[in-house]
Amino acid sequence: MSTLFILGVGVFVTGIAATAVVFIGLSEAADPNHSRREDLTEWEWSQIRELRKQNQDDGAE
């Protein structure tokens, strides 16, 4: 029983860490100072296109 609990906690922590890595990576990719369009995969580009547009609009104001 304790083995299953430890396994469950491990899976939960791994899931949270993987989700955090994706969100942090997308926020870094949204910043043009940290990444170029050529360096991004098509999935990353589709996810951050709007974020970059919003960042540019905020900077223009």
N, C-alpha and C. Protein backbone atom coordinates (compact mmCIF):
# COMPACT_ATOMS: atom_id res chain seq x y z
N MET A 1 0.82 -1.19 0.00
CA MET A 1 0.00 0.00 0.00
C MET A 1 0.87 1.27 0.00
N SER A 2 1.91 1.29 0.82
CA SER A 2 2.77 2.47 0.86
C SER A 2 3.53 2.64 -0.45
N THR A 3 3.80 1.54 -1.14
CA THR A 3 4.48 1.62 -2.43
C THR A 3 3.59 2.32 -3.45
N LEU A 4 2.32 2.00 -3.44
CA LEU A 4 1.37 2.66 -4.36
C LEU A 4 1.23 4.14 -4.04
N PHE A 5 1.25 4.47 -2.77
CA PHE A 5 1.17 5.88 -2.37
C PHE A 5 2.40 6.65 -2.86
N ILE A 6 3.57 6.07 -2.66
CA ILE A 6 4.80 6.71 -3.11
C ILE A 6 4.80 6.86 -4.63
N LEU A 7 4.35 5.85 -5.34
CA LEU A 7 4.25 5.91 -6.79
C LEU A 7 3.28 7.02 -7.22
N GLY A 8 2.13 7.11 -6.54
CA GLY A 8 1.16 8.15 -6.85
C GLY A 8 1.71 9.54 -6.63
N VAL A 9 2.41 9.73 -5.53
CA VAL A 9 3.01 11.04 -5.24
C VAL A 9 4.06 11.36 -6.30
N GLY A 10 4.85 10.37 -6.69
CA GLY A 10 5.87 10.58 -7.71
C GLY A 10 5.27 10.97 -9.05
N VAL A 11 4.20 10.31 -9.44
CA VAL A 11 3.53 10.64 -10.70
C VAL A 11 2.94 12.05 -10.63
N PHE A 12 2.35 12.40 -9.49
CA PHE A 12 1.76 13.72 -9.31
C PHE A 12 2.84 14.81 -9.41
N VAL A 13 3.94 14.64 -8.70
CA VAL A 13 5.02 15.63 -8.71
C VAL A 13 5.62 15.74 -10.12
N THR A 14 5.80 14.61 -10.79
CA THR A 14 6.33 14.62 -12.15
C THR A 14 5.39 15.37 -13.09
N GLY A 15 4.10 15.17 -12.94
CA GLY A 15 3.12 15.88 -13.77
C GLY A 15 3.16 17.38 -13.56
N ILE A 16 3.26 17.80 -12.31
CA ILE A 16 3.34 19.23 -12.02
C ILE A 16 4.63 19.82 -12.60
N ALA A 17 5.74 19.11 -12.44
CA ALA A 17 7.02 19.61 -12.96
C ALA A 17 6.98 19.72 -14.48
N ALA A 18 6.42 18.72 -15.16
CA ALA A 18 6.35 18.75 -16.62
C ALA A 18 5.47 19.90 -17.10
N THR A 19 4.36 20.14 -16.42
CA THR A 19 3.48 21.25 -16.78
C THR A 19 4.19 22.59 -16.58
N ALA A 20 4.91 22.72 -15.49
CA ALA A 20 5.64 23.97 -15.24
C ALA A 20 6.70 24.21 -16.30
N VAL A 21 7.38 23.16 -16.72
CA VAL A 21 8.42 23.31 -17.75
C VAL A 21 7.80 23.81 -19.05
N VAL A 22 6.65 23.28 -19.43
CA VAL A 22 5.99 23.72 -20.66
C VAL A 22 5.59 25.18 -20.56
N PHE A 23 4.97 25.58 -19.45
CA PHE A 23 4.53 26.97 -19.30
C PHE A 23 5.71 27.94 -19.25
N ILE A 24 6.76 27.58 -18.55
CA ILE A 24 7.94 28.45 -18.49
C ILE A 24 8.59 28.56 -19.87
N GLY A 25 8.67 27.44 -20.57
CA GLY A 25 9.24 27.45 -21.91
C GLY A 25 8.44 28.32 -22.87
N LEU A 26 7.12 28.25 -22.80
CA LEU A 26 6.30 29.08 -23.67
C LEU A 26 6.43 30.56 -23.32
N SER A 27 6.54 30.89 -22.05
CA SER A 27 6.70 32.30 -21.69
C SER A 27 8.06 32.83 -22.16
N GLU A 28 9.09 32.00 -22.10
CA GLU A 28 10.39 32.42 -22.61
C GLU A 28 10.36 32.54 -24.13
N ALA A 29 9.68 31.64 -24.79
CA ALA A 29 9.59 31.68 -26.26
C ALA A 29 8.80 32.90 -26.72
N ALA A 30 7.88 33.37 -25.90
CA ALA A 30 7.07 34.54 -26.27
C ALA A 30 7.89 35.82 -26.27
N ASP A 31 9.02 35.82 -25.61
CA ASP A 31 9.87 37.01 -25.55
C ASP A 31 10.87 36.97 -26.71
N PRO A 32 10.77 37.90 -27.66
CA PRO A 32 11.67 37.90 -28.81
C PRO A 32 13.15 38.04 -28.43
N ASN A 33 13.43 38.57 -27.26
CA ASN A 33 14.83 38.69 -26.83
C ASN A 33 15.45 37.34 -26.50
N HIS A 34 14.60 36.35 -26.20
CA HIS A 34 15.09 35.04 -25.81
C HIS A 34 15.00 34.00 -26.90
N SER A 35 14.24 34.25 -27.95
CA SER A 35 14.11 33.24 -28.99
C SER A 35 13.80 33.90 -30.33
N ARG A 36 14.26 33.26 -31.37
CA ARG A 36 13.97 33.71 -32.72
C ARG A 36 12.95 32.78 -33.34
N ARG A 37 12.24 33.26 -34.33
CA ARG A 37 11.21 32.47 -34.99
C ARG A 37 11.77 31.16 -35.54
N GLU A 38 12.99 31.20 -36.05
CA GLU A 38 13.61 30.02 -36.66
C GLU A 38 13.90 28.94 -35.61
N ASP A 39 14.03 29.33 -34.36
CA ASP A 39 14.38 28.38 -33.30
C ASP A 39 13.16 27.64 -32.75
N LEU A 40 11.97 28.10 -33.08
CA LEU A 40 10.75 27.53 -32.51
C LEU A 40 10.16 26.45 -33.40
N THR A 41 9.57 25.44 -32.77
CA THR A 41 8.83 24.45 -33.54
C THR A 41 7.50 25.06 -33.97
N GLU A 42 6.82 24.42 -34.88
CA GLU A 42 5.54 24.94 -35.35
C GLU A 42 4.52 25.00 -34.22
N TRP A 43 4.53 24.00 -33.33
CA TRP A 43 3.61 24.01 -32.20
C TRP A 43 3.90 25.18 -31.27
N GLU A 44 5.17 25.41 -30.95
CA GLU A 44 5.53 26.53 -30.08
C GLU A 44 5.12 27.86 -30.73
N TRP A 45 5.38 28.00 -32.01
CA TRP A 45 5.03 29.24 -32.69
C TRP A 45 3.53 29.47 -32.67
N SER A 46 2.75 28.42 -32.88
CA SER A 46 1.29 28.59 -32.87
C SER A 46 0.79 28.97 -31.48
N GLN A 47 1.47 28.53 -30.44
CA GLN A 47 1.05 28.84 -29.08
C GLN A 47 1.43 30.26 -28.65
N ILE A 48 2.52 30.78 -29.14
CA ILE A 48 3.00 32.07 -28.63
C ILE A 48 2.78 33.24 -29.58
N ARG A 49 2.26 33.00 -30.74
CA ARG A 49 2.05 34.07 -31.72
C ARG A 49 1.27 35.23 -31.11
N GLU A 50 0.17 34.93 -30.43
CA GLU A 50 -0.65 35.98 -29.82
C GLU A 50 0.07 36.66 -28.66
N LEU A 51 0.83 35.90 -27.89
CA LEU A 51 1.57 36.50 -26.77
C LEU A 51 2.59 37.52 -27.27
N ARG A 52 3.27 37.19 -28.37
CA ARG A 52 4.23 38.15 -28.92
C ARG A 52 3.53 39.40 -29.42
N LYS A 53 2.37 39.21 -30.06
CA LYS A 53 1.63 40.36 -30.57
C LYS A 53 1.21 41.26 -29.40
N GLN A 54 0.74 40.67 -28.31
CA GLN A 54 0.33 41.44 -27.14
C GLN A 54 1.53 42.16 -26.52
N ASN A 55 2.68 41.48 -26.45
CA ASN A 55 3.88 42.11 -25.90
C ASN A 55 4.31 43.31 -26.74
N GLN A 56 4.20 43.21 -28.05
CA GLN A 56 4.57 44.32 -28.91
C GLN A 56 3.58 45.47 -28.75
N ASP A 57 2.29 45.16 -28.63
CA ASP A 57 1.29 46.20 -28.45
C ASP A 57 1.48 46.91 -27.12
N ASP A 58 1.81 46.18 -26.06
CA ASP A 58 2.04 46.78 -24.75
C ASP A 58 3.27 47.69 -24.77
N GLY A 59 4.26 47.31 -25.51
CA GLY A 59 5.47 48.13 -25.60
C GLY A 59 5.26 49.40 -26.40
N ALA A 60 4.29 49.39 -27.33
CA ALA A 60 4.04 50.55 -28.19
C ALA A 60 3.27 51.63 -27.46
N GLU A 61 2.57 51.27 -26.39
CA GLU A 61 1.73 52.24 -25.69
C GLU A 61 2.49 53.11 -24.76
